[in-house]
Every structure is written in structure tokens, then in C-alpha cells.
N, C-alpha and C. Protein backbone atom coordinates (compact mmCIF):
# COMPACT_ATOMS: atom_id res chain seq x y z
N MET A 1 112.78 117.23 89.47
CA MET A 1 113.59 117.65 88.35
C MET A 1 113.76 116.46 87.42
N ILE A 2 113.63 116.71 86.14
CA ILE A 2 113.83 115.66 85.13
C ILE A 2 115.22 115.83 84.53
N ILE A 3 115.95 114.74 84.51
CA ILE A 3 117.30 114.75 83.95
C ILE A 3 117.29 113.88 82.70
N HIS A 4 117.55 114.50 81.56
CA HIS A 4 117.63 113.77 80.30
C HIS A 4 119.09 113.45 80.05
N THR A 5 119.44 112.20 80.20
CA THR A 5 120.83 111.78 80.05
C THR A 5 120.96 110.80 78.89
N LYS A 6 122.16 110.73 78.35
CA LYS A 6 122.43 109.78 77.27
C LYS A 6 122.97 108.48 77.81
N GLY A 7 123.22 108.41 79.12
CA GLY A 7 123.74 107.19 79.71
C GLY A 7 124.37 107.44 81.05
N PHE A 8 124.92 106.40 81.60
CA PHE A 8 125.50 106.43 82.94
C PHE A 8 126.92 105.89 82.92
N ALA A 9 127.74 106.42 83.82
CA ALA A 9 129.02 105.80 84.15
C ALA A 9 128.77 105.08 85.47
N THR A 10 129.08 103.80 85.51
CA THR A 10 128.81 103.02 86.71
C THR A 10 130.04 102.23 87.13
N SER A 11 130.07 101.92 88.42
CA SER A 11 131.12 101.06 88.97
C SER A 11 130.52 100.29 90.14
N THR A 12 130.86 99.01 90.23
CA THR A 12 130.41 98.20 91.36
C THR A 12 131.47 98.11 92.45
N GLY A 13 132.57 98.81 92.28
CA GLY A 13 133.60 98.83 93.30
C GLY A 13 134.61 97.72 93.20
N ASP A 14 134.52 96.90 92.18
CA ASP A 14 135.44 95.77 92.05
C ASP A 14 136.89 96.22 91.94
N ASP A 15 137.15 97.31 91.25
CA ASP A 15 138.51 97.75 91.00
C ASP A 15 139.00 98.81 91.97
N GLU A 16 138.11 99.62 92.51
CA GLU A 16 138.56 100.77 93.29
C GLU A 16 137.88 100.92 94.65
N GLU A 17 137.10 99.93 95.05
CA GLU A 17 136.40 99.95 96.33
C GLU A 17 135.44 101.13 96.46
N LEU A 18 134.98 101.65 95.33
CA LEU A 18 133.99 102.72 95.29
C LEU A 18 132.93 102.31 94.29
N ALA A 19 131.71 102.10 94.77
CA ALA A 19 130.59 101.82 93.88
C ALA A 19 129.95 103.16 93.54
N SER A 20 129.63 103.36 92.25
CA SER A 20 129.11 104.67 91.86
C SER A 20 128.21 104.60 90.64
N VAL A 21 127.36 105.62 90.56
CA VAL A 21 126.50 105.86 89.40
C VAL A 21 126.60 107.35 89.12
N TYR A 22 126.85 107.71 87.87
CA TYR A 22 127.04 109.11 87.51
C TYR A 22 126.35 109.38 86.19
N CYS A 23 125.60 110.48 86.13
CA CYS A 23 125.02 110.90 84.85
C CYS A 23 124.94 112.42 84.80
N THR A 24 124.89 112.95 83.60
CA THR A 24 124.69 114.38 83.39
C THR A 24 123.57 114.57 82.38
N ASP A 25 122.93 115.74 82.45
CA ASP A 25 121.91 116.03 81.44
C ASP A 25 122.52 116.93 80.37
N THR A 26 121.70 117.34 79.43
CA THR A 26 122.19 118.12 78.29
C THR A 26 122.72 119.49 78.69
N SER A 27 122.32 120.00 79.86
CA SER A 27 122.82 121.30 80.32
C SER A 27 124.10 121.19 81.13
N GLY A 28 124.51 119.95 81.44
CA GLY A 28 125.70 119.74 82.25
C GLY A 28 125.40 119.47 83.72
N TYR A 29 124.12 119.52 84.11
CA TYR A 29 123.74 119.22 85.50
C TYR A 29 124.03 117.75 85.75
N CYS A 30 124.70 117.45 86.85
CA CYS A 30 125.02 116.04 87.12
C CYS A 30 124.27 115.55 88.35
N LEU A 31 124.07 114.24 88.37
CA LEU A 31 123.49 113.53 89.50
C LEU A 31 124.33 112.29 89.68
N SER A 32 124.78 112.07 90.90
CA SER A 32 125.66 110.95 91.17
C SER A 32 125.38 110.38 92.55
N PHE A 33 125.54 109.07 92.68
CA PHE A 33 125.47 108.37 93.97
C PHE A 33 126.73 107.54 94.07
N ALA A 34 127.33 107.53 95.23
CA ALA A 34 128.54 106.75 95.40
C ALA A 34 128.68 106.32 96.85
N ARG A 35 129.40 105.22 97.03
CA ARG A 35 129.71 104.79 98.39
C ARG A 35 131.01 104.00 98.37
N PHE A 36 131.97 104.44 99.20
CA PHE A 36 133.14 103.60 99.44
C PHE A 36 132.62 102.37 100.16
N LEU A 37 133.10 101.22 99.79
CA LEU A 37 132.53 99.97 100.28
C LEU A 37 132.62 99.81 101.79
N ASP A 38 133.54 100.52 102.43
CA ASP A 38 133.63 100.43 103.89
C ASP A 38 132.90 101.59 104.59
N ASP A 39 132.18 102.41 103.86
CA ASP A 39 131.46 103.55 104.41
C ASP A 39 130.00 103.17 104.62
N GLU A 40 129.37 103.78 105.61
CA GLU A 40 127.97 103.52 105.91
C GLU A 40 127.01 104.44 105.17
N LEU A 41 127.49 105.58 104.68
CA LEU A 41 126.61 106.57 104.07
C LEU A 41 126.76 106.60 102.56
N VAL A 42 125.69 106.99 101.88
CA VAL A 42 125.69 107.18 100.44
C VAL A 42 125.97 108.64 100.16
N GLU A 43 126.94 108.90 99.29
CA GLU A 43 127.23 110.28 98.91
C GLU A 43 126.43 110.62 97.66
N VAL A 44 125.67 111.69 97.76
CA VAL A 44 124.89 112.19 96.63
C VAL A 44 125.59 113.46 96.14
N MET A 45 125.82 113.54 94.83
CA MET A 45 126.41 114.75 94.26
C MET A 45 125.47 115.30 93.20
N VAL A 46 125.29 116.61 93.22
CA VAL A 46 124.47 117.29 92.21
C VAL A 46 125.23 118.47 91.66
N VAL A 47 124.70 119.06 90.62
CA VAL A 47 125.26 120.21 89.92
C VAL A 47 126.65 119.87 89.43
N ASP A 48 127.62 119.96 90.23
CA ASP A 48 128.98 119.46 89.99
C ASP A 48 129.77 119.81 91.23
N GLN A 49 130.03 118.83 92.02
CA GLN A 49 130.81 118.96 93.24
C GLN A 49 130.03 119.49 94.45
N ILE A 50 128.72 119.56 94.39
CA ILE A 50 127.94 119.82 95.60
C ILE A 50 127.52 118.45 96.10
N ASN A 51 128.08 118.02 97.23
CA ASN A 51 127.79 116.67 97.68
C ASN A 51 127.44 116.62 99.16
N TYR A 52 126.78 115.51 99.50
CA TYR A 52 126.31 115.31 100.87
C TYR A 52 126.16 113.82 101.09
N LYS A 53 126.64 113.34 102.24
CA LYS A 53 126.49 111.93 102.60
C LYS A 53 125.25 111.77 103.45
N THR A 54 124.44 110.76 103.10
CA THR A 54 123.15 110.61 103.76
C THR A 54 122.66 109.16 103.74
N ARG A 55 121.71 108.88 104.59
CA ARG A 55 120.92 107.65 104.55
C ARG A 55 119.49 107.97 104.08
N GLU A 56 119.20 109.24 103.93
CA GLU A 56 117.83 109.71 103.64
C GLU A 56 117.61 109.82 102.14
N ILE A 57 117.73 108.67 101.47
CA ILE A 57 117.59 108.61 100.02
C ILE A 57 116.85 107.33 99.65
N SER A 58 115.98 107.45 98.66
CA SER A 58 115.26 106.31 98.13
C SER A 58 115.42 106.32 96.61
N VAL A 59 115.78 105.17 96.05
CA VAL A 59 115.98 105.05 94.60
C VAL A 59 115.13 103.90 94.08
N GLU A 60 114.36 104.17 93.04
CA GLU A 60 113.56 103.15 92.36
C GLU A 60 114.02 103.07 90.92
N LEU A 61 114.31 101.85 90.47
CA LEU A 61 114.73 101.63 89.09
C LEU A 61 113.67 100.81 88.38
N ALA A 62 113.10 101.39 87.35
CA ALA A 62 112.17 100.68 86.46
C ALA A 62 112.81 100.67 85.08
N ARG A 63 112.28 99.88 84.19
CA ARG A 63 112.87 99.77 82.86
C ARG A 63 112.85 101.11 82.12
N ASN A 64 111.85 101.95 82.43
CA ASN A 64 111.72 103.21 81.69
C ASN A 64 112.14 104.45 82.48
N GLU A 65 112.49 104.30 83.78
CA GLU A 65 112.93 105.48 84.53
C GLU A 65 113.66 105.12 85.82
N LEU A 66 114.48 106.05 86.23
CA LEU A 66 115.13 106.02 87.54
C LEU A 66 114.53 107.16 88.33
N ARG A 67 114.02 106.86 89.52
CA ARG A 67 113.40 107.89 90.36
C ARG A 67 114.17 107.94 91.68
N VAL A 68 114.62 109.13 92.03
CA VAL A 68 115.40 109.35 93.24
C VAL A 68 114.66 110.34 94.12
N THR A 69 114.48 109.98 95.37
CA THR A 69 113.80 110.85 96.33
C THR A 69 114.71 111.06 97.53
N LEU A 70 114.91 112.33 97.88
CA LEU A 70 115.70 112.71 99.05
C LEU A 70 114.77 113.30 100.10
N SER A 71 115.13 113.15 101.35
CA SER A 71 114.36 113.83 102.40
C SER A 71 114.56 115.34 102.22
N PRO A 72 113.62 116.14 102.71
CA PRO A 72 113.82 117.60 102.64
C PRO A 72 115.11 118.05 103.33
N ALA A 73 115.48 117.39 104.42
CA ALA A 73 116.72 117.77 105.12
C ALA A 73 117.95 117.47 104.27
N ALA A 74 117.96 116.31 103.61
CA ALA A 74 119.10 115.98 102.74
C ALA A 74 119.13 116.92 101.53
N ALA A 75 117.97 117.17 100.93
CA ALA A 75 117.90 118.06 99.76
C ALA A 75 118.38 119.46 100.10
N ALA A 76 118.10 119.91 101.31
CA ALA A 76 118.53 121.25 101.74
C ALA A 76 120.05 121.37 101.78
N GLN A 77 120.74 120.26 101.96
CA GLN A 77 122.20 120.27 101.97
C GLN A 77 122.79 120.29 100.56
N LEU A 78 121.94 120.04 99.57
CA LEU A 78 122.38 120.01 98.18
C LEU A 78 121.83 121.23 97.46
N ASP A 79 120.79 121.05 96.64
CA ASP A 79 120.22 122.20 95.93
C ASP A 79 118.69 122.28 96.08
N ASP A 80 118.19 121.75 97.20
CA ASP A 80 116.78 121.81 97.58
C ASP A 80 115.83 121.04 96.67
N ILE A 81 116.33 120.15 95.84
CA ILE A 81 115.47 119.32 95.00
C ILE A 81 115.28 117.98 95.70
N THR A 82 114.03 117.61 95.94
CA THR A 82 113.75 116.37 96.66
C THR A 82 113.49 115.18 95.74
N GLU A 83 113.19 115.43 94.46
CA GLU A 83 112.92 114.30 93.57
C GLU A 83 113.55 114.53 92.20
N TYR A 84 114.22 113.50 91.73
CA TYR A 84 114.83 113.49 90.40
C TYR A 84 114.23 112.33 89.63
N ILE A 85 113.89 112.59 88.38
CA ILE A 85 113.39 111.54 87.49
C ILE A 85 114.30 111.52 86.27
N VAL A 86 114.83 110.34 85.99
CA VAL A 86 115.70 110.18 84.83
C VAL A 86 115.02 109.19 83.88
N PRO A 87 114.41 109.67 82.78
CA PRO A 87 113.83 108.76 81.80
C PRO A 87 114.93 107.85 81.22
N LEU A 88 114.59 106.58 81.05
CA LEU A 88 115.59 105.61 80.57
C LEU A 88 115.19 104.99 79.25
N SER A 89 116.16 104.79 78.42
CA SER A 89 116.03 103.97 77.21
C SER A 89 117.40 103.32 76.98
N LEU A 90 117.82 102.56 77.97
CA LEU A 90 119.16 101.96 77.96
C LEU A 90 119.15 100.59 77.32
N PRO A 91 120.23 100.23 76.64
CA PRO A 91 120.38 98.85 76.20
C PRO A 91 120.39 97.92 77.42
N GLU A 92 120.02 96.69 77.24
CA GLU A 92 119.91 95.73 78.34
C GLU A 92 121.19 95.64 79.18
N LYS A 93 122.33 95.63 78.54
CA LYS A 93 123.61 95.52 79.25
C LYS A 93 123.81 96.72 80.18
N GLU A 94 123.56 97.93 79.71
CA GLU A 94 123.73 99.12 80.54
C GLU A 94 122.71 99.16 81.67
N PHE A 95 121.49 98.68 81.42
CA PHE A 95 120.48 98.63 82.46
C PHE A 95 120.93 97.70 83.59
N HIS A 96 121.49 96.55 83.24
CA HIS A 96 121.97 95.61 84.25
C HIS A 96 123.19 96.16 85.00
N GLU A 97 124.04 96.89 84.31
CA GLU A 97 125.19 97.53 84.97
C GLU A 97 124.71 98.59 85.97
N LEU A 98 123.70 99.35 85.60
CA LEU A 98 123.13 100.36 86.49
C LEU A 98 122.53 99.68 87.73
N ASP A 99 121.76 98.64 87.52
CA ASP A 99 121.16 97.88 88.62
C ASP A 99 122.25 97.30 89.54
N ALA A 100 123.29 96.74 88.96
CA ALA A 100 124.37 96.14 89.76
C ALA A 100 125.06 97.19 90.62
N ALA A 101 125.34 98.36 90.06
CA ALA A 101 126.00 99.43 90.82
C ALA A 101 125.09 99.92 91.95
N LEU A 102 123.81 100.13 91.66
CA LEU A 102 122.88 100.59 92.70
C LEU A 102 122.74 99.55 93.80
N THR A 103 122.71 98.28 93.44
CA THR A 103 122.62 97.21 94.43
C THR A 103 123.80 97.27 95.40
N VAL A 104 125.00 97.46 94.89
CA VAL A 104 126.19 97.54 95.75
C VAL A 104 126.16 98.81 96.60
N ILE A 105 125.79 99.93 96.01
CA ILE A 105 125.76 101.20 96.76
C ILE A 105 124.83 101.10 97.97
N PHE A 106 123.69 100.45 97.80
CA PHE A 106 122.68 100.42 98.85
C PHE A 106 122.65 99.12 99.66
N GLU A 107 123.56 98.17 99.38
CA GLU A 107 123.52 96.91 100.12
C GLU A 107 123.91 97.13 101.58
N GLY A 108 123.38 96.30 102.42
CA GLY A 108 123.64 96.45 103.85
C GLY A 108 122.50 97.17 104.52
N ASN A 109 122.64 97.35 105.78
CA ASN A 109 121.57 97.96 106.57
C ASN A 109 121.68 99.47 106.64
N ASN A 110 120.55 100.13 106.60
CA ASN A 110 120.45 101.56 106.91
C ASN A 110 121.31 102.45 106.01
N ARG A 111 121.30 102.17 104.70
CA ARG A 111 122.03 103.02 103.74
C ARG A 111 121.06 103.68 102.76
N GLY A 112 119.87 103.93 103.17
CA GLY A 112 118.88 104.40 102.24
C GLY A 112 118.09 103.22 101.72
N HIS A 113 117.35 103.44 100.66
CA HIS A 113 116.48 102.38 100.15
C HIS A 113 116.61 102.30 98.63
N TYR A 114 116.81 101.08 98.12
CA TYR A 114 116.86 100.86 96.68
C TYR A 114 115.95 99.69 96.33
N VAL A 115 115.15 99.88 95.29
CA VAL A 115 114.30 98.80 94.80
C VAL A 115 114.31 98.83 93.27
N ARG A 116 114.43 97.64 92.70
CA ARG A 116 114.31 97.48 91.25
C ARG A 116 112.89 97.04 90.95
N LEU A 117 112.18 97.85 90.20
CA LEU A 117 110.78 97.57 89.87
C LEU A 117 110.63 96.78 88.59
N ALA A 118 111.63 96.79 87.75
CA ALA A 118 111.52 96.12 86.45
C ALA A 118 111.85 94.66 86.54
């Protein structure tokens, strides 16, 4: 699924102990990743309020896109979509904020996989 978003709301957990990334597309479909800093699992939210905590997630961030892949089992708990592509054209500051939030969400062992390609 391709999500055309105008930007992201991000948090690294500094103020609320919750690191998060949230975006919506033009139809209102949302995609979000979050993790309370003391939690082992990443919470994925889609549509709006359909969520599932999992380790079965892979996120790749490149300068021109964000690619999210879920295992079929994790996707089945949400809306059966295993891959999301979010085309990016973010200002440098927002790109770094997105990277910082994703780094915190996935830091530590066995919380899924995050890689910055750019």
C-alpha cells in the first residue's frame, strides 16, 4: 500500500516515555509505530485505532521513501497489508526527526528491524 502523506508527527520519548511516528494519507488512513521505552514490543497502528504489538516488523528509511514490511502473521492482526511505502520529500530537519524517532523505537534487541539507507 502506498501512503501519500504531507508529513509525520514524531517523538523520541524525551517528554513522555513514548517514542512514536505517526502519519496519515489524503484519505485519512493512518500508519503509526510506537513503543513505550520500557516495553519490548513495537505497536503498529493502521486505519485508526487498529493496533497490534509485534517484533515482526522491518522498516527501511531512505531519503525518498519509508518502506515498512510486516510478517503475514502480524499483518493478519491488522488489515492484512504486509508492505507500506511512504514516498518522502521531507525537509532535512523533519527527515532527521523521523530517523531519530525510528532509532529509539527499534533500539535494543529483538524489537523488529530498522535500517537507515540514506
